[in-house]
Each structure stands twice: as C-alpha cells, then as structure tokens.
C-alpha atoms as a PDB file:
ATOM      1  CA  MET A   1      83.010  17.640  20.523  1.00  0.00           C
ATOM      2  CA  SER A   2      85.933  16.029  18.789  1.00  0.00           C
ATOM      3  CA  VAL A   3      87.975  13.626  20.875  1.00  0.00           C
ATOM      4  CA  LYS A   4      91.675  14.366  20.446  1.00  0.00           C
ATOM      5  CA  THR A   5      93.526  13.369  23.588  1.00  0.00           C
ATOM      6  CA  LEU A   6      93.142  10.700  26.198  1.00  0.00           C
ATOM      7  CA  ARG A   7      91.964  13.418  28.598  1.00  0.00           C
ATOM      8  CA  ASP A   8      89.057  14.107  26.231  1.00  0.00           C
ATOM      9  CA  LEU A   9      88.321  10.411  26.041  1.00  0.00           C
ATOM     10  CA  LEU A  10      88.512   9.594  29.747  1.00  0.00           C
ATOM     11  CA  GLY A  11      86.877  12.766  31.014  1.00  0.00           C
ATOM     12  CA  ALA A  12      86.296  12.636  34.759  1.00  0.00           C
ATOM     13  CA  ARG A  13      86.185   8.835  34.961  1.00  0.00           C
ATOM     14  CA  PRO A  14      87.353   7.666  38.402  1.00  0.00           C
ATOM     15  CA  LEU A  15      90.442   5.550  38.889  1.00  0.00           C
ATOM     16  CA  HIS A  16      89.604   2.138  40.319  1.00  0.00           C
ATOM     17  CA  SER A  17      92.455   0.605  42.273  1.00  0.00           C
ATOM     18  CA  VAL A  18      93.368  -2.168  44.677  1.00  0.00           C
ATOM     19  CA  THR A  19      96.401  -2.841  46.843  1.00  0.00           C
ATOM     20  CA  PRO A  20      99.000  -5.534  46.140  1.00  0.00           C
ATOM     21  CA  GLU A  21      97.551  -7.497  49.100  1.00  0.00           C
ATOM     22  CA  THR A  22      93.953  -7.474  47.812  1.00  0.00           C
ATOM     23  CA  LYS A  23      92.690 -11.030  47.307  1.00  0.00           C
ATOM     24  CA  LEU A  24      91.762 -11.990  43.750  1.00  0.00           C
ATOM     25  CA  ARG A  25      88.105 -12.595  44.640  1.00  0.00           C
ATOM     26  CA  GLU A  26      87.838  -9.035  45.957  1.00  0.00           C
ATOM     27  CA  VAL A  27      89.555  -7.673  42.834  1.00  0.00           C
ATOM     28  CA  ALA A  28      87.044  -9.563  40.689  1.00  0.00           C
ATOM     29  CA  THR A  29      84.213  -8.114  42.772  1.00  0.00           C
ATOM     30  CA  VAL A  30      85.538  -4.567  42.255  1.00  0.00           C
ATOM     31  CA  MET A  31      85.718  -5.181  38.508  1.00  0.00           C
ATOM     32  CA  ALA A  32      82.221  -6.664  38.367  1.00  0.00           C
ATOM     33  CA  THR A  33      80.714  -3.893  40.493  1.00  0.00           C
ATOM     34  CA  HIS A  34      82.161  -1.147  38.309  1.00  0.00           C
ATOM     35  CA  LYS A  35      81.860  -3.108  35.040  1.00  0.00           C
ATOM     36  CA  ILE A  36      85.546  -2.673  34.252  1.00  0.00           C
ATOM     37  CA  GLY A  37      88.206  -5.057  32.957  1.00  0.00           C
ATOM     38  CA  ALA A  38      91.271  -3.724  34.758  1.00  0.00           C
ATOM     39  CA  VAL A  39      92.365  -1.937  37.912  1.00  0.00           C
ATOM     40  CA  ALA A  40      95.487  -0.078  38.911  1.00  0.00           C
ATOM     41  CA  VAL A  41      97.471  -1.648  41.737  1.00  0.00           C
ATOM     42  CA  LEU A  42      98.646   0.975  44.222  1.00  0.00           C
ATOM     43  CA  ASP A  43     100.975   0.471  47.150  1.00  0.00           C
ATOM     44  CA  GLN A  44     100.063   3.445  49.333  1.00  0.00           C
ATOM     45  CA  GLU A  45      99.860   6.064  46.565  1.00  0.00           C
ATOM     46  CA  ARG A  46     102.586   4.501  44.394  1.00  0.00           C
ATOM     47  CA  PHE A  47     101.566   2.758  41.175  1.00  0.00           C
ATOM     48  CA  VAL A  48     103.073  -0.736  41.145  1.00  0.00           C
ATOM     49  CA  GLY A  49     101.133  -2.523  38.419  1.00  0.00           C
ATOM     50  CA  ILE A  50      97.955  -3.243  36.528  1.00  0.00           C
ATOM     51  CA  LEU A  51      95.648  -6.195  37.031  1.00  0.00           C
ATOM     52  CA  THR A  52      93.202  -7.311  34.363  1.00  0.00           C
ATOM     53  CA  GLU A  53      90.403  -9.821  34.224  1.00  0.00           C
ATOM     54  CA  ARG A  54      92.586 -11.943  31.934  1.00  0.00           C
ATOM     55  CA  ASP A  55      95.353 -11.913  34.564  1.00  0.00           C
ATOM     56  CA  ILE A  56      92.918 -13.284  37.133  1.00  0.00           C
ATOM     57  CA  VAL A  57      91.688 -16.000  34.776  1.00  0.00           C
ATOM     58  CA  PHE A  58      94.949 -17.082  33.130  1.00  0.00           C
ATOM     59  CA  ARG A  59      97.646 -16.322  35.708  1.00  0.00           C
ATOM     60  CA  GLY A  60      95.387 -16.940  38.697  1.00  0.00           C
ATOM     61  CA  VAL A  61      92.601 -19.465  38.299  1.00  0.00           C
ATOM     62  CA  GLY A  62      94.143 -21.168  35.267  1.00  0.00           C
ATOM     63  CA  ALA A  63      97.414 -21.596  37.134  1.00  0.00           C
ATOM     64  CA  GLY A  64      95.640 -23.218  40.075  1.00  0.00           C
ATOM     65  CA  LEU A  65      95.749 -20.278  42.489  1.00  0.00           C
ATOM     66  CA  VAL A  66      92.949 -20.043  45.034  1.00  0.00           C
ATOM     67  CA  VAL A  67      91.115 -16.726  44.607  1.00  0.00           C
ATOM     68  CA  ASP A  68      90.541 -16.333  48.351  1.00  0.00           C
ATOM     69  CA  GLN A  69      94.246 -16.767  49.078  1.00  0.00           C
ATOM     70  CA  ALA A  70      96.135 -15.324  46.090  1.00  0.00           C
ATOM     71  CA  CYS A  71      96.745 -11.584  45.990  1.00  0.00           C
ATOM     72  CA  ALA A  72      96.827  -8.974  43.263  1.00  0.00           C
ATOM     73  CA  SER A  73     100.627  -8.946  43.461  1.00  0.00           C
ATOM     74  CA  ASP A  74     100.703 -12.636  42.533  1.00  0.00           C
ATOM     75  CA  VAL A  75      99.245 -12.081  39.056  1.00  0.00           C
ATOM     76  CA  MET A  76      99.507  -8.366  38.207  1.00  0.00           C
ATOM     77  CA  THR A  77     101.673  -6.953  35.440  1.00  0.00           C
ATOM     78  CA  VAL A  78     104.495  -4.895  36.943  1.00  0.00           C
ATOM     79  CA  GLU A  79     105.981  -1.917  35.107  1.00  0.00           C
ATOM     80  CA  PRO A  80     103.368  -1.872  32.345  1.00  0.00           C
ATOM     81  CA  VAL A  81     103.535   0.457  29.375  1.00  0.00           C
ATOM     82  CA  THR A  82     101.775   3.724  30.229  1.00  0.00           C
ATOM     83  CA  VAL A  83     100.493   6.695  28.266  1.00  0.00           C
ATOM     84  CA  ASP A  84     100.111  10.314  29.332  1.00  0.00           C
ATOM     85  CA  ILE A  85      96.657  11.836  29.736  1.00  0.00           C
ATOM     86  CA  ASP A  86      97.517  14.564  27.214  1.00  0.00           C
ATOM     87  CA  ASP A  87      98.758  12.097  24.576  1.00  0.00           C
ATOM     88  CA  ALA A  88      96.862  11.754  21.331  1.00  0.00           C
ATOM     89  CA  ILE A  89      94.629   8.725  20.933  1.00  0.00           C
ATOM     90  CA  SER A  90      96.984   7.524  18.208  1.00  0.00           C
ATOM     91  CA  ASP A  91      99.785   7.401  20.811  1.00  0.00           C
ATOM     92  CA  ALA A  92      97.787   4.853  22.817  1.00  0.00           C
ATOM     93  CA  LEU A  93      97.240   2.779  19.689  1.00  0.00           C
ATOM     94  CA  ALA A  94     100.935   3.080  18.815  1.00  0.00           C
ATOM     95  CA  ALA A  95     101.744   1.816  22.332  1.00  0.00           C
ATOM     96  CA  LYS A  96     100.175  -1.478  21.196  1.00  0.00           C
ATOM     97  CA  LEU A  97      96.714  -0.915  22.690  1.00  0.00           C
ATOM     98  CA  GLY A  98      94.586  -3.498  20.938  1.00  0.00           C
ATOM     99  CA  ASP A  99      97.588  -5.539  19.811  1.00  0.00           C
ATOM    100  CA  ALA A 100      99.667  -6.519  22.826  1.00  0.00           C
ATOM    101  CA  PHE A 101      97.482  -4.834  25.465  1.00  0.00           C
ATOM    102  CA  ARG A 102      93.772  -4.398  26.073  1.00  0.00           C
ATOM    103  CA  HIS A 103      94.291  -1.868  28.886  1.00  0.00           C
ATOM    104  CA  LEU A 104      96.847   0.881  29.451  1.00  0.00           C
ATOM    105  CA  PRO A 105      97.423   2.889  32.607  1.00  0.00           C
ATOM    106  CA  VAL A 106      97.127   6.620  31.980  1.00  0.00           C
ATOM    107  CA  THR A 107      99.400   8.997  33.879  1.00  0.00           C
ATOM    108  CA  GLU A 108      99.498  12.703  34.587  1.00  0.00           C
ATOM    109  CA  ASN A 109     102.755  14.134  35.908  1.00  0.00           C
ATOM    110  CA  GLY A 110     103.922  10.582  36.611  1.00  0.00           C
ATOM    111  CA  ILE A 111     100.849   9.656  38.678  1.00  0.00           C
ATOM    112  CA  VAL A 112      98.311   7.103  37.435  1.00  0.00           C
ATOM    113  CA  VAL A 113      94.955   8.811  36.947  1.00  0.00           C
ATOM    114  CA  GLY A 114      93.047   6.240  34.920  1.00  0.00           C
ATOM    115  CA  VAL A 115      93.013   3.028  32.946  1.00  0.00           C
ATOM    116  CA  LEU A 116      92.273   3.149  29.233  1.00  0.00           C
ATOM    117  CA  SER A 117      90.516   0.196  27.653  1.00  0.00           C
ATOM    118  CA  TYR A 118      90.746  -0.662  23.973  1.00  0.00           C
ATOM    119  CA  ARG A 119      86.942  -0.469  23.977  1.00  0.00           C
ATOM    120  CA  ASP A 120      87.208   3.221  24.920  1.00  0.00           C
ATOM    121  CA  ILE A 121      88.762   4.097  21.563  1.00  0.00           C
ATOM    122  CA  PRO A 122      86.176   5.251  19.017  1.00  0.00           C
ATOM    123  CA  ALA A 123      85.968   2.853  16.065  1.00  0.00           C
ATOM    124  CA  GLU A 124      86.852   5.559  13.538  1.00  0.00           C
ATOM    125  CA  TYR A 125      90.179   6.186  15.288  1.00  0.00           C
ATOM    126  CA  VAL A 126      90.997   2.485  15.246  1.00  0.00           C
ATOM    127  CA  MET A 127      90.107   2.267  11.547  1.00  0.00           C
ATOM    128  CA  MET A 128      92.216   5.334  10.663  1.00  0.00           C
ATOM    129  CA  PHE A 129      95.166   4.027  12.668  1.00  0.00           C
ATOM    130  CA  GLU A 130      94.937   0.584  11.043  1.00  0.00           C
ATOM    131  CA  ARG A 131      94.781   2.179   7.594  1.00  0.00           C
ATOM    132  CA  PHE A 132      97.803   4.357   8.397  1.00  0.00           C
ATOM    133  CA  ARG A 133      99.713   1.304   9.610  1.00  0.00           C
ATOM    134  CA  GLU A 134      98.833  -0.613   6.431  1.00  0.00           C
ATOM    135  CA  MET A 135      99.999   2.279   4.244  1.00  0.00           C
ATOM    136  CA  THR A 136     103.224   2.672   6.214  1.00  0.00           C
ATOM    137  CA  THR A 137     103.958  -1.047   6.056  1.00  0.00           C
ATOM    138  CA  SER A 138     103.285  -1.286   2.311  1.00  0.00           C
ATOM    139  CA  ARG A 139     105.544   1.718   1.633  1.00  0.00           C
ATOM    140  CA  ALA A 140     108.325   0.182   3.716  1.00  0.00           C
ATOM    141  CA  ASP A 141     107.935  -3.089   1.800  1.00  0.00           C
ATOM    142  CA  GLU A 142     108.158  -1.273  -1.529  1.00  0.00           C
ATOM    143  CA  GLY A 143     111.373   0.458  -0.491  1.00  0.00           C
ATOM    144  CA  ALA A 144     113.041  -2.747   0.661  1.00  0.00           C
END
C-alpha cells in the first residue's frame, strides 16, 4: 500500500494526551511507557498545546524546574502548527516538520486526533521533498 496522506501514515494509532496540570514526571512516564516523544495537552477535550521530550529537558529540567512540581502547562508549546489528517505527507514536511519541529499535532475537523513524529515519515518521502526543495531554491536563485 502506498502511503499518501497522514491518515494512511498514522492509521489507527491512539492519541496520547495529558492535562495542563499533569506533573512533568508523569508526562515523562507516559512518554516512556508508550515509547513516544510528544503528547497532546488537552484541557477537558480542548487542545491547548503540545509537550515534547525536548520541552521537558530544556524548558523544564534545564531551566531548574522540579519535575514533581512543574506542570505540562509550564513548558508546553501553545498554539503549535498543526496539519490535517487528510493532508499529503509533503504538507507536513512543508509545515517545517524536521526543520523547526520534530512533532506536529494532527487534526480532523478541528479536533486533535494524533501526533506526527518526523520519524514517522518514510525516508523516500523526506529525500524527495529535500530534492524538490533544492531544485526550487536553485531555480529561484537563477532567476534572481
């Protein structure tokens, strides 16, 4: 089967989430248990941010926060870039997945249904996208 959209890529993968009040140690435990690098942060059912392992390390521990006292809301990224579940894989790459972001929340009808990791993208898609970007950049440079 050829993977074309993020829906194809994510399949029926469950959404792992925490609340804004979840302590950082518990968030880290959720990530370790499920072998994931990011979780959605939901307040009730409303998506309020994304929290990654790097957020815990750099914004949390590295900033001197105590993991048993600091909460997800203290270090999460609010209003992150999102992609739609029916978007093409290239749309996720164009949204800076792999450049500025390692994880992107995936939505369906405005509701977060998953978190896409850069590692989820098949290598051939990354290579094709990089080649396309190189060609586009060199053409733009020639026209300048």
